[in-house]
C-alpha atoms as a PDB file:
ATOM      1  CA  MET A   1     -24.403   5.787  31.823  1.00  0.00           C
ATOM      2  CA  ASN A   2     -24.048   9.382  30.667  1.00  0.00           C
ATOM      3  CA  VAL A   3     -20.819  10.332  28.936  1.00  0.00           C
ATOM      4  CA  ALA A   4     -19.137  13.447  27.585  1.00  0.00           C
ATOM      5  CA  LEU A   5     -16.980  13.417  24.463  1.00  0.00           C
ATOM      6  CA  LEU A   6     -13.751  15.287  25.094  1.00  0.00           C
ATOM      7  CA  SER A   7     -12.337  16.581  21.792  1.00  0.00           C
ATOM      8  CA  LYS A   8     -12.588  15.480  18.181  1.00  0.00           C
ATOM      9  CA  TRP A   9      -8.821  15.864  17.673  1.00  0.00           C
ATOM     10  CA  HIS A  10      -8.163  12.168  17.039  1.00  0.00           C
ATOM     11  CA  VAL A  11      -9.264  10.429  13.835  1.00  0.00           C
ATOM     12  CA  HIS A  12     -11.020   7.717  15.877  1.00  0.00           C
ATOM     13  CA  ALA A  13     -13.186  10.180  17.809  1.00  0.00           C
ATOM     14  CA  VAL A  14     -15.980   9.776  15.251  1.00  0.00           C
ATOM     15  CA  ASP A  15     -15.787   5.975  15.528  1.00  0.00           C
ATOM     16  CA  TYR A  16     -16.069   6.078  19.307  1.00  0.00           C
ATOM     17  CA  ALA A  17     -19.001   8.472  19.174  1.00  0.00           C
ATOM     18  CA  ARG A  18     -20.752   6.145  16.743  1.00  0.00           C
ATOM     19  CA  GLU A  19     -20.112   3.097  18.923  1.00  0.00           C
ATOM     20  CA  ALA A  20     -21.294   4.945  22.022  1.00  0.00           C
ATOM     21  CA  MET A  21     -24.522   5.962  20.259  1.00  0.00           C
ATOM     22  CA  GLU A  22     -25.108   2.349  19.198  1.00  0.00           C
ATOM     23  CA  ASN A  23     -24.600   1.072  22.766  1.00  0.00           C
ATOM     24  CA  LYS A  24     -27.894   1.068  24.666  1.00  0.00           C
ATOM     25  CA  GLU A  25     -25.997   1.443  27.953  1.00  0.00           C
ATOM     26  CA  ILE A  26     -24.411   4.773  26.907  1.00  0.00           C
ATOM     27  CA  THR A  27     -25.966   8.198  26.403  1.00  0.00           C
ATOM     28  CA  ILE A  28     -23.849  11.018  24.999  1.00  0.00           C
ATOM     29  CA  LYS A  29     -24.823  14.165  26.879  1.00  0.00           C
ATOM     30  CA  THR A  30     -22.331  16.791  25.756  1.00  0.00           C
ATOM     31  CA  VAL A  31     -19.201  17.605  23.747  1.00  0.00           C
ATOM     32  CA  TRP A  32     -16.177  19.605  24.822  1.00  0.00           C
ATOM     33  CA  ASP A  33     -13.416  20.508  22.409  1.00  0.00           C
ATOM     34  CA  GLU A  34     -10.432  22.829  22.767  1.00  0.00           C
ATOM     35  CA  ASN A  35     -11.330  23.989  19.255  1.00  0.00           C
ATOM     36  CA  GLN A  36     -14.722  25.651  19.706  1.00  0.00           C
ATOM     37  CA  GLU A  37     -15.662  25.652  16.021  1.00  0.00           C
ATOM     38  CA  ARG A  38     -14.869  21.960  15.654  1.00  0.00           C
ATOM     39  CA  GLY A  39     -16.625  21.071  18.893  1.00  0.00           C
ATOM     40  CA  THR A  40     -19.754  23.099  18.142  1.00  0.00           C
ATOM     41  CA  GLN A  41     -20.116  21.503  14.730  1.00  0.00           C
ATOM     42  CA  TRP A  42     -19.639  18.012  16.169  1.00  0.00           C
ATOM     43  CA  ALA A  43     -22.198  18.612  18.894  1.00  0.00           C
ATOM     44  CA  GLU A  44     -24.704  19.803  16.288  1.00  0.00           C
ATOM     45  CA  GLU A  45     -24.081  16.695  14.191  1.00  0.00           C
ATOM     46  CA  LEU A  46     -24.699  14.483  17.233  1.00  0.00           C
ATOM     47  CA  GLY A  47     -27.683  16.486  18.463  1.00  0.00           C
ATOM     48  CA  VAL A  48     -26.165  17.206  21.884  1.00  0.00           C
ATOM     49  CA  SER A  49     -24.961  20.319  23.714  1.00  0.00           C
ATOM     50  CA  TYR A  50     -21.515  21.878  23.382  1.00  0.00           C
ATOM     51  CA  GLU A  51     -19.664  23.066  26.465  1.00  0.00           C
ATOM     52  CA  ALA A  52     -16.686  25.396  25.975  1.00  0.00           C
ATOM     53  CA  ASP A  53     -15.382  25.022  29.540  1.00  0.00           C
ATOM     54  CA  LEU A  54     -13.964  21.608  30.421  1.00  0.00           C
ATOM     55  CA  GLN A  55     -14.328  22.358  34.124  1.00  0.00           C
ATOM     56  CA  ASN A  56     -18.099  22.663  33.714  1.00  0.00           C
ATOM     57  CA  VAL A  57     -18.213  19.225  32.100  1.00  0.00           C
ATOM     58  CA  LEU A  58     -16.198  17.641  34.900  1.00  0.00           C
ATOM     59  CA  ASP A  59     -18.248  19.393  37.589  1.00  0.00           C
ATOM     60  CA  ASP A  60     -21.497  18.000  36.156  1.00  0.00           C
ATOM     61  CA  SER A  61     -22.651  15.222  38.505  1.00  0.00           C
ATOM     62  CA  ASN A  62     -24.871  13.818  35.738  1.00  0.00           C
ATOM     63  CA  ILE A  63     -21.796  12.828  33.705  1.00  0.00           C
ATOM     64  CA  ASP A  64     -20.579   9.348  34.644  1.00  0.00           C
ATOM     65  CA  GLY A  65     -17.739   8.946  32.189  1.00  0.00           C
ATOM     66  CA  VAL A  66     -15.690  10.620  29.484  1.00  0.00           C
ATOM     67  CA  ILE A  67     -14.351   9.488  26.129  1.00  0.00           C
ATOM     68  CA  VAL A  68     -11.005  11.252  25.719  1.00  0.00           C
ATOM     69  CA  THR A  69      -9.737  11.790  22.171  1.00  0.00           C
ATOM     70  CA  THR A  70      -7.705  14.928  22.704  1.00  0.00           C
ATOM     71  CA  ALA A  71      -4.183  15.386  21.371  1.00  0.00           C
ATOM     72  CA  THR A  72      -1.965  12.885  23.170  1.00  0.00           C
ATOM     73  CA  ASN A  73       0.035  15.610  24.903  1.00  0.00           C
ATOM     74  CA  ARG A  74      -3.159  16.590  26.760  1.00  0.00           C
ATOM     75  CA  HIS A  75      -3.995  13.069  27.956  1.00  0.00           C
ATOM     76  CA  LYS A  76      -2.295  13.337  31.317  1.00  0.00           C
ATOM     77  CA  GLU A  77      -3.880  16.684  32.208  1.00  0.00           C
ATOM     78  CA  VAL A  78      -7.385  15.806  31.008  1.00  0.00           C
ATOM     79  CA  ILE A  79      -7.497  12.212  32.271  1.00  0.00           C
ATOM     80  CA  ILE A  80      -6.196  13.045  35.745  1.00  0.00           C
ATOM     81  CA  ALA A  81      -8.699  15.901  35.993  1.00  0.00           C
ATOM     82  CA  ALA A  82     -11.516  13.553  34.948  1.00  0.00           C
ATOM     83  CA  ALA A  83     -10.417  10.923  37.475  1.00  0.00           C
ATOM     84  CA  ASN A  84     -10.253  13.538  40.236  1.00  0.00           C
ATOM     85  CA  HIS A  85     -13.890  14.361  39.460  1.00  0.00           C
ATOM     86  CA  GLY A  86     -14.920  10.710  39.700  1.00  0.00           C
ATOM     87  CA  LYS A  87     -15.405  10.161  35.968  1.00  0.00           C
ATOM     88  CA  HIS A  88     -14.697   6.825  34.330  1.00  0.00           C
ATOM     89  CA  ILE A  89     -12.353   7.159  31.360  1.00  0.00           C
ATOM     90  CA  PHE A  90     -12.194   5.604  27.898  1.00  0.00           C
ATOM     91  CA  THR A  91      -9.319   6.831  25.745  1.00  0.00           C
ATOM     92  CA  GLU A  92      -7.302   6.228  22.611  1.00  0.00           C
ATOM     93  CA  LYS A  93      -3.803   4.741  22.621  1.00  0.00           C
ATOM     94  CA  VAL A  94      -1.246   5.675  23.772  1.00  0.00           C
ATOM     95  CA  LEU A  95      -2.150   6.631  27.318  1.00  0.00           C
ATOM     96  CA  ALA A  96       0.836   8.978  27.672  1.00  0.00           C
ATOM     97  CA  PHE A  97       4.288   9.679  26.253  1.00  0.00           C
ATOM     98  CA  THR A  98       6.316   8.271  29.154  1.00  0.00           C
ATOM     99  CA  VAL A  99       6.127   5.503  31.713  1.00  0.00           C
ATOM    100  CA  LYS A 100       6.297   8.118  34.456  1.00  0.00           C
ATOM    101  CA  GLU A 101       3.226   9.937  33.103  1.00  0.00           C
ATOM    102  CA  CYS A 102       1.322   6.644  32.817  1.00  0.00           C
ATOM    103  CA  GLU A 103       2.069   5.859  36.447  1.00  0.00           C
ATOM    104  CA  GLU A 104       0.818   9.297  37.519  1.00  0.00           C
ATOM    105  CA  ILE A 105      -2.439   8.620  35.666  1.00  0.00           C
ATOM    106  CA  PHE A 106      -2.763   5.174  37.281  1.00  0.00           C
ATOM    107  CA  GLU A 107      -2.327   6.740  40.719  1.00  0.00           C
ATOM    108  CA  ALA A 108      -5.154   9.212  40.063  1.00  0.00           C
ATOM    109  CA  VAL A 109      -7.410   6.458  38.712  1.00  0.00           C
ATOM    110  CA  ASP A 110      -6.778   4.255  41.755  1.00  0.00           C
ATOM    111  CA  ARG A 111      -7.160   7.116  44.212  1.00  0.00           C
ATOM    112  CA  ASN A 112     -10.587   7.952  42.796  1.00  0.00           C
ATOM    113  CA  ASN A 113     -11.726   4.359  42.173  1.00  0.00           C
ATOM    114  CA  VAL A 114     -12.698   4.912  38.538  1.00  0.00           C
ATOM    115  CA  GLN A 115     -12.408   2.617  35.533  1.00  0.00           C
ATOM    116  CA  LEU A 116      -9.777   3.406  32.894  1.00  0.00           C
ATOM    117  CA  MET A 117      -9.861   1.794  29.446  1.00  0.00           C
ATOM    118  CA  VAL A 118      -7.269   2.375  26.727  1.00  0.00           C
ATOM    119  CA  ASN A 119      -8.575   1.054  23.424  1.00  0.00           C
ATOM    120  CA  LEU A 120      -6.328  -1.791  22.180  1.00  0.00           C
ATOM    121  CA  PRO A 121      -8.788  -3.358  19.752  1.00  0.00           C
ATOM    122  CA  ARG A 122      -6.753  -6.165  18.214  1.00  0.00           C
ATOM    123  CA  LEU A 123      -6.596  -7.942  21.582  1.00  0.00           C
ATOM    124  CA  THR A 124     -10.263  -8.798  21.037  1.00  0.00           C
ATOM    125  CA  GLU A 125      -9.857 -10.213  17.521  1.00  0.00           C
ATOM    126  CA  SER A 126      -9.958 -13.886  16.534  1.00  0.00           C
ATOM    127  CA  PHE A 127      -6.499 -14.041  14.931  1.00  0.00           C
ATOM    128  CA  TYR A 128      -4.814 -12.775  18.097  1.00  0.00           C
ATOM    129  CA  LEU A 129      -6.837 -15.033  20.396  1.00  0.00           C
ATOM    130  CA  TYR A 130      -5.800 -18.070  18.332  1.00  0.00           C
ATOM    131  CA  ALA A 131      -2.164 -16.960  18.266  1.00  0.00           C
ATOM    132  CA  GLN A 132      -2.172 -16.611  22.047  1.00  0.00           C
ATOM    133  CA  GLN A 133      -3.782 -20.027  22.438  1.00  0.00           C
ATOM    134  CA  SER A 134      -1.118 -21.563  20.175  1.00  0.00           C
ATOM    135  CA  VAL A 135       1.680 -20.077  22.255  1.00  0.00           C
ATOM    136  CA  ASP A 136       0.049 -21.010  25.571  1.00  0.00           C
ATOM    137  CA  LYS A 137      -0.623 -24.602  24.459  1.00  0.00           C
ATOM    138  CA  GLY A 138       2.938 -25.105  23.244  1.00  0.00           C
ATOM    139  CA  LEU A 139       1.968 -25.715  19.616  1.00  0.00           C
ATOM    140  CA  LEU A 140       5.024 -23.730  18.527  1.00  0.00           C
ATOM    141  CA  GLY A 141       7.427 -25.166  21.091  1.00  0.00           C
ATOM    142  CA  ASP A 142       9.828 -22.544  22.407  1.00  0.00           C
ATOM    143  CA  LEU A 143       9.042 -19.219  20.765  1.00  0.00           C
ATOM    144  CA  THR A 144      12.194 -17.877  19.107  1.00  0.00           C
ATOM    145  CA  TYR A 145      11.097 -15.010  16.847  1.00  0.00           C
ATOM    146  CA  ILE A 146       8.092 -12.727  16.303  1.00  0.00           C
ATOM    147  CA  ARG A 147       7.459 -10.342  13.443  1.00  0.00           C
ATOM    148  CA  CYS A 148       4.449  -8.037  13.289  1.00  0.00           C
ATOM    149  CA  ARG A 149       3.697  -5.371  10.693  1.00  0.00           C
ATOM    150  CA  VAL A 150       0.845  -2.853  10.548  1.00  0.00           C
ATOM    151  CA  ALA A 151       1.171  -0.066   7.980  1.00  0.00           C
ATOM    152  CA  HIS A 152      -0.878   2.098   5.621  1.00  0.00           C
ATOM    153  CA  ASN A 153      -0.352   4.877   3.056  1.00  0.00           C
ATOM    154  CA  GLY A 154      -1.636   7.824   5.102  1.00  0.00           C
ATOM    155  CA  SER A 155       1.405  10.007   4.372  1.00  0.00           C
ATOM    156  CA  VAL A 156       1.807   9.177   0.682  1.00  0.00           C
ATOM    157  CA  PRO A 157       1.317  12.362  -1.381  1.00  0.00           C
ATOM    158  CA  SER A 158      -1.645  12.576  -3.742  1.00  0.00           C
ATOM    159  CA  GLU A 159      -3.161  15.132  -6.106  1.00  0.00           C
ATOM    160  CA  GLU A 160      -5.632  16.066  -3.362  1.00  0.00           C
ATOM    161  CA  ASN A 161      -3.096  16.418  -0.563  1.00  0.00           C
ATOM    162  CA  SER A 162       0.670  16.801  -0.745  1.00  0.00           C
ATOM    163  CA  LYS A 163       1.063  15.186   2.689  1.00  0.00           C
ATOM    164  CA  GLY A 164      -1.398  12.313   2.287  1.00  0.00           C
ATOM    165  CA  TRP A 165      -4.822  11.683   3.773  1.00  0.00           C
ATOM    166  CA  LEU A 166      -3.901  11.755   7.474  1.00  0.00           C
ATOM    167  CA  PRO A 167      -4.984  14.878   9.389  1.00  0.00           C
ATOM    168  CA  GLN A 168      -2.207  17.436   9.187  1.00  0.00           C
ATOM    169  CA  HIS A 169      -2.034  17.748  12.967  1.00  0.00           C
ATOM    170  CA  PHE A 170      -0.773  14.142  13.039  1.00  0.00           C
ATOM    171  CA  TYR A 171       2.567  15.661  11.987  1.00  0.00           C
ATOM    172  CA  ASN A 172       2.672  17.980  15.009  1.00  0.00           C
ATOM    173  CA  LYS A 173       5.273  16.273  17.173  1.00  0.00           C
ATOM    174  CA  GLU A 174       4.414  18.348  20.232  1.00  0.00           C
ATOM    175  CA  GLU A 175       0.807  17.131  20.155  1.00  0.00           C
ATOM    176  CA  CYS A 176       1.428  13.573  18.959  1.00  0.00           C
ATOM    177  CA  GLY A 177       4.743  12.732  20.550  1.00  0.00           C
ATOM    178  CA  GLY A 178       5.850  11.113  17.311  1.00  0.00           C
ATOM    179  CA  GLY A 179       4.463   9.699  14.110  1.00  0.00           C
ATOM    180  CA  ALA A 180       3.955   6.219  12.718  1.00  0.00           C
ATOM    181  CA  LEU A 181       5.361   4.250  15.648  1.00  0.00           C
ATOM    182  CA  ILE A 182       3.434   5.926  18.457  1.00  0.00           C
ATOM    183  CA  ASP A 183       0.214   5.875  16.421  1.00  0.00           C
ATOM    184  CA  LEU A 184      -0.162   2.918  14.069  1.00  0.00           C
ATOM    185  CA  GLY A 185       2.784   1.071  15.569  1.00  0.00           C
ATOM    186  CA  ALA A 186       0.837   0.703  18.800  1.00  0.00           C
ATOM    187  CA  HIS A 187      -0.927  -2.344  17.349  1.00  0.00           C
ATOM    188  CA  PRO A 188       2.149  -4.469  16.622  1.00  0.00           C
ATOM    189  CA  ILE A 189       3.686  -3.289  19.891  1.00  0.00           C
ATOM    190  CA  TYR A 190       0.886  -4.462  22.178  1.00  0.00           C
ATOM    191  CA  LEU A 191       0.409  -7.667  20.193  1.00  0.00           C
ATOM    192  CA  THR A 192       4.071  -8.657  20.363  1.00  0.00           C
ATOM    193  CA  ASN A 193       4.257  -7.609  24.021  1.00  0.00           C
ATOM    194  CA  ARG A 194       1.509 -10.086  24.795  1.00  0.00           C
ATOM    195  CA  LEU A 195       2.863 -12.938  22.683  1.00  0.00           C
ATOM    196  CA  GLY A 196       6.577 -12.520  23.360  1.00  0.00           C
ATOM    197  CA  GLY A 197       6.469 -11.837  27.066  1.00  0.00           C
ATOM    198  CA  LYS A 198       8.650  -9.515  29.084  1.00  0.00           C
ATOM    199  CA  VAL A 199      10.899  -7.250  27.008  1.00  0.00           C
ATOM    200  CA  LYS A 200      14.526  -6.759  28.022  1.00  0.00           C
ATOM    201  CA  ALA A 201      15.704  -4.181  25.475  1.00  0.00           C
ATOM    202  CA  VAL A 202      14.908  -2.538  22.146  1.00  0.00           C
ATOM    203  CA  SER A 203      16.794  -1.032  19.235  1.00  0.00           C
ATOM    204  CA  GLY A 204      14.664   1.347  17.183  1.00  0.00           C
ATOM    205  CA  LYS A 205      14.987   3.271  13.945  1.00  0.00           C
ATOM    206  CA  LEU A 206      12.362   5.960  13.384  1.00  0.00           C
ATOM    207  CA  ASN A 207      12.791   7.314   9.866  1.00  0.00           C
ATOM    208  CA  GLU A 208      11.437  10.521   8.283  1.00  0.00           C
ATOM    209  CA  PHE A 209      11.231   9.563   4.616  1.00  0.00           C
ATOM    210  CA  TYR A 210       9.152  12.598   3.574  1.00  0.00           C
ATOM    211  CA  ARG A 211      10.534  15.000   6.225  1.00  0.00           C
ATOM    212  CA  LEU A 212       7.114  15.684   7.711  1.00  0.00           C
ATOM    213  CA  GLY A 213       8.390  16.448  11.207  1.00  0.00           C
ATOM    214  CA  VAL A 214       7.627  13.001  12.649  1.00  0.00           C
ATOM    215  CA  ASP A 215       8.601   9.452  11.755  1.00  0.00           C
ATOM    216  CA  ASP A 216       6.643   8.024   8.822  1.00  0.00           C
ATOM    217  CA  ASN A 217       8.446   4.655   8.734  1.00  0.00           C
ATOM    218  CA  ALA A 218       9.760   2.720  11.719  1.00  0.00           C
ATOM    219  CA  VAL A 219      11.221  -0.607  12.811  1.00  0.00           C
ATOM    220  CA  VAL A 220      11.974  -1.798  16.328  1.00  0.00           C
ATOM    221  CA  MET A 221      14.048  -4.861  17.155  1.00  0.00           C
ATOM    222  CA  VAL A 222      12.994  -6.394  20.463  1.00  0.00           C
ATOM    223  CA  GLU A 223      14.963  -8.610  22.842  1.00  0.00           C
ATOM    224  CA  TYR A 224      12.822 -10.670  25.218  1.00  0.00           C
ATOM    225  CA  ASP A 225      13.818 -12.025  28.618  1.00  0.00           C
ATOM    226  CA  SER A 226      13.140 -15.519  27.257  1.00  0.00           C
ATOM    227  CA  GLY A 227      15.935 -15.138  24.688  1.00  0.00           C
ATOM    228  CA  ALA A 228      13.499 -14.745  21.806  1.00  0.00           C
ATOM    229  CA  MET A 229      13.767 -11.840  19.383  1.00  0.00           C
ATOM    230  CA  GLY A 230      11.139  -9.778  17.611  1.00  0.00           C
ATOM    231  CA  MET A 231      10.685  -7.201  14.888  1.00  0.00           C
ATOM    232  CA  ILE A 232       7.981  -4.526  14.959  1.00  0.00           C
ATOM    233  CA  GLU A 233       7.314  -2.744  11.666  1.00  0.00           C
ATOM    234  CA  THR A 234       5.013   0.153  10.903  1.00  0.00           C
ATOM    235  CA  GLY A 235       4.689   3.140   8.622  1.00  0.00           C
ATOM    236  CA  PHE A 236       2.484   5.632   6.828  1.00  0.00           C
ATOM    237  CA  LEU A 237       4.035   4.931   3.414  1.00  0.00           C
ATOM    238  CA  SER A 238       2.780   1.505   2.286  1.00  0.00           C
ATOM    239  CA  TYR A 239       0.023   1.065  -0.279  1.00  0.00           C
ATOM    240  CA  GLY A 240      -1.897  -2.176   0.148  1.00  0.00           C
ATOM    241  CA  SER A 241       0.197  -3.434   3.047  1.00  0.00           C
ATOM    242  CA  PRO A 242      -1.673  -6.191   4.916  1.00  0.00           C
ATOM    243  CA  GLN A 243      -1.487  -6.723   8.648  1.00  0.00           C
ATOM    244  CA  GLN A 244       1.092  -9.460   9.180  1.00  0.00           C
ATOM    245  CA  LEU A 245       1.923 -11.494  12.266  1.00  0.00           C
ATOM    246  CA  GLU A 246       4.511 -14.268  12.199  1.00  0.00           C
ATOM    247  CA  LEU A 247       5.438 -16.495  15.138  1.00  0.00           C
ATOM    248  CA  TYR A 248       8.368 -18.893  14.821  1.00  0.00           C
ATOM    249  CA  GLY A 249       9.174 -21.630  17.310  1.00  0.00           C
ATOM    250  CA  THR A 250      11.160 -24.809  17.737  1.00  0.00           C
ATOM    251  CA  GLU A 251       8.111 -26.958  16.999  1.00  0.00           C
ATOM    252  CA  GLY A 252       5.880 -24.828  14.807  1.00  0.00           C
ATOM    253  CA  THR A 253       5.187 -21.672  12.837  1.00  0.00           C
ATOM    254  CA  LEU A 254       2.089 -19.491  12.785  1.00  0.00           C
ATOM    255  CA  MET A 255       1.386 -17.050   9.943  1.00  0.00           C
ATOM    256  CA  VAL A 256      -1.315 -14.372   9.920  1.00  0.00           C
ATOM    257  CA  GLU A 257      -2.094 -12.062   7.017  1.00  0.00           C
ATOM    258  CA  GLY A 258      -5.132  -9.921   7.631  1.00  0.00           C
ATOM    259  CA  GLN A 259      -7.572 -12.357   9.222  1.00  0.00           C
ATOM    260  CA  ASP A 260      -6.144 -15.351   7.322  1.00  0.00           C
ATOM    261  CA  VAL A 261      -4.413 -17.715   9.764  1.00  0.00           C
ATOM    262  CA  ARG A 262      -2.368 -20.843   9.042  1.00  0.00           C
ATOM    263  CA  ILE A 263      -0.211 -22.977  11.280  1.00  0.00           C
ATOM    264  CA  LYS A 264       2.343 -25.746  10.852  1.00  0.00           C
ATOM    265  CA  SER A 265       3.081 -27.660  14.049  1.00  0.00           C
ATOM    266  CA  LYS A 266       4.627 -30.970  15.100  1.00  0.00           C
ATOM    267  CA  HIS A 267       1.653 -31.345  17.450  1.00  0.00           C
ATOM    268  CA  LEU A 268      -1.098 -31.331  14.818  1.00  0.00           C
ATOM    269  CA  GLY A 269      -0.340 -34.732  13.278  1.00  0.00           C
ATOM    270  CA  LYS A 270       0.485 -33.549   9.754  1.00  0.00           C
ATOM    271  CA  GLU A 271       3.338 -31.894   7.896  1.00  0.00           C
ATOM    272  CA  ASP A 272       1.194 -29.504   5.848  1.00  0.00           C
ATOM    273  CA  TRP A 273      -0.143 -26.096   6.760  1.00  0.00           C
ATOM    274  CA  VAL A 274      -3.424 -26.173   8.654  1.00  0.00           C
ATOM    275  CA  LYS A 275      -6.101 -23.482   8.568  1.00  0.00           C
ATOM    276  CA  PRO A 276      -7.486 -23.685  12.107  1.00  0.00           C
ATOM    277  CA  ASP A 277     -10.943 -22.885  13.368  1.00  0.00           C
ATOM    278  CA  LEU A 278     -10.635 -19.516  15.063  1.00  0.00           C
ATOM    279  CA  PRO A 279     -12.271 -18.582  18.368  1.00  0.00           C
ATOM    280  CA  ASN A 280     -15.053 -16.030  18.358  1.00  0.00           C
ATOM    281  CA  PRO A 281     -13.910 -12.444  18.877  1.00  0.00           C
ATOM    282  CA  LEU A 282     -14.438 -10.822  22.247  1.00  0.00           C
ATOM    283  CA  SER A 283     -16.697  -7.847  22.822  1.00  0.00           C
ATOM    284  CA  SER A 284     -15.179  -4.472  22.016  1.00  0.00           C
ATOM    285  CA  ASN A 285     -13.069  -2.536  24.483  1.00  0.00           C
ATOM    286  CA  MET A 286     -15.875   0.014  24.880  1.00  0.00           C
ATOM    287  CA  LYS A 287     -18.369  -2.708  25.782  1.00  0.00           C
ATOM    288  CA  GLN A 288     -15.843  -4.154  28.225  1.00  0.00           C
ATOM    289  CA  TRP A 289     -15.400  -0.686  29.756  1.00  0.00           C
ATOM    290  CA  VAL A 290     -19.140  -0.441  30.376  1.00  0.00           C
ATOM    291  CA  GLU A 291     -19.239  -3.949  31.858  1.00  0.00           C
ATOM    292  CA  ALA A 292     -16.345  -3.109  34.181  1.00  0.00           C
ATOM    293  CA  ILE A 293     -18.204  -0.022  35.410  1.00  0.00           C
ATOM    294  CA  LYS A 294     -21.628  -1.649  35.771  1.00  0.00           C
ATOM    295  CA  ASN A 295     -20.745  -5.170  36.858  1.00  0.00           C
ATOM    296  CA  GLY A 296     -17.089  -5.120  37.876  1.00  0.00           C
ATOM    297  CA  LEU A 297     -16.070  -7.501  35.071  1.00  0.00           C
ATOM    298  CA  GLN A 298     -12.354  -7.633  34.280  1.00  0.00           C
ATOM    299  CA  SER A 299     -11.314  -6.188  30.929  1.00  0.00           C
ATOM    300  CA  ILE A 300      -8.894  -7.982  28.620  1.00  0.00           C
ATOM    301  CA  VAL A 301      -6.773  -4.790  28.546  1.00  0.00           C
ATOM    302  CA  THR A 302      -4.476  -4.758  31.575  1.00  0.00           C
ATOM    303  CA  ARG A 303      -2.237  -2.177  33.221  1.00  0.00           C
ATOM    304  CA  ASP A 304       0.735  -4.116  31.840  1.00  0.00           C
ATOM    305  CA  ASP A 305      -0.632  -3.759  28.295  1.00  0.00           C
ATOM    306  CA  ILE A 306      -1.080  -0.021  28.722  1.00  0.00           C
ATOM    307  CA  LEU A 307       2.246   0.652  30.432  1.00  0.00           C
ATOM    308  CA  ASN A 308       4.347  -1.614  28.231  1.00  0.00           C
ATOM    309  CA  LEU A 309       2.926   0.002  25.095  1.00  0.00           C
ATOM    310  CA  THR A 310       4.288   3.353  26.248  1.00  0.00           C
ATOM    311  CA  ALA A 311       7.527   1.757  27.468  1.00  0.00           C
ATOM    312  CA  ILE A 312       8.395   0.316  24.062  1.00  0.00           C
ATOM    313  CA  ASN A 313       7.603   3.639  22.387  1.00  0.00           C
ATOM    314  CA  GLU A 314       9.660   5.599  24.888  1.00  0.00           C
ATOM    315  CA  ALA A 315      12.653   3.263  24.679  1.00  0.00           C
ATOM    316  CA  ALA A 316      12.509   3.022  20.868  1.00  0.00           C
ATOM    317  CA  SER A 317      12.464   6.809  20.558  1.00  0.00           C
ATOM    318  CA  ILE A 318      15.535   7.107  22.804  1.00  0.00           C
ATOM    319  CA  SER A 319      17.250   4.342  20.829  1.00  0.00           C
ATOM    320  CA  SER A 320      16.627   6.062  17.497  1.00  0.00           C
ATOM    321  CA  GLN A 321      17.718   9.479  18.773  1.00  0.00           C
ATOM    322  CA  GLU A 322      20.874   8.219  20.459  1.00  0.00           C
ATOM    323  CA  GLY A 323      21.740   5.376  18.069  1.00  0.00           C
ATOM    324  CA  ARG A 324      21.997   2.680  20.721  1.00  0.00           C
ATOM    325  CA  ARG A 325      20.299  -0.285  22.329  1.00  0.00           C
ATOM    326  CA  VAL A 326      18.044   0.760  25.229  1.00  0.00           C
ATOM    327  CA  ALA A 327      17.248  -1.530  28.149  1.00  0.00           C
ATOM    328  CA  LEU A 328      13.740  -1.071  29.539  1.00  0.00           C
ATOM    329  CA  SER A 329      15.238  -0.951  33.032  1.00  0.00           C
ATOM    330  CA  GLU A 330      16.566   2.510  32.098  1.00  0.00           C
ATOM    331  CA  LEU A 331      12.996   3.869  32.193  1.00  0.00           C
ATOM    332  CA  LYS A 332      12.955   3.296  35.979  1.00  0.00           C
ATOM    333  CA  SER A 333       9.319   2.240  36.123  1.00  0.00           C
ATOM    334  CA  LYS A 334       7.658   1.520  39.453  1.00  0.00           C
ATOM    335  CA  GLN A 335       5.921  -1.372  37.676  1.00  0.00           C
ATOM    336  CA  ASN A 336       7.478  -4.671  36.644  1.00  0.00           C
ATOM    337  CA  ILE A 337       8.116  -3.935  32.973  1.00  0.00           C
END
């Protein structure tokens, strides 16, 4: 399938271009970027053409799909336009700033019968697959508490850069919609959404430690319909912080640090911690996107994953701004979130 790369704004644009070039089913045909200098240089690096007019890209019947890594505030406009031109879409999280915008995108995707993939990569990884198996098999009993942390030091000042190593446009709230939570916090959000089940309400605190214009440190307390509670932690201010996932239940505990997994469960026949054999990881979201287009195979990333990721972000932002608990029912989604 022939694809166009739409913008190098996002830090992961280079990664997606590399993966697309390594996939024998994908051929990159052209680059469009709202920044002509950036787009022209990228096209030259990839050895493909640059097109300054997005409409020309979308009108090209030889283009089957698009990889969208524009600023997040352009997602809705660009993705709906691509869908209306019959292009399949692969994009970076989050899909959009609000539940309402996500639903408008879904309607365009359905109306034009195209495949939409939002990259949620940790859903394919071995540690998550084992955690989900443990919950589904009842190894932890009734799940009572989840904690998940993903953080890095991207906003910590250095001699080279007073605002850290993240691209400076990541502090443009208009383009990004926020900071640490909407970007890096996506990972603990979609993981805990999957493992904890339906969310009833959230209480969020989005902090601006270095006054960069967006949150650089954030925590979100989650209340689940089941009665369980959760804590989502993220930030751009932590040196050496490992990915952490903790699941606590009435009959067991699961601890993940990086890819290191250990479990203690009444159902495993011993009192000590056990290091389990982990399942093999699944194919990447981009490979699943191609398989969905070519063969109709179902992706692991669902509409619920995509919508609920935005819902938690939207509700947490309201909670932090207004200093109150926010029920997800307040977002008035057409979906069952």
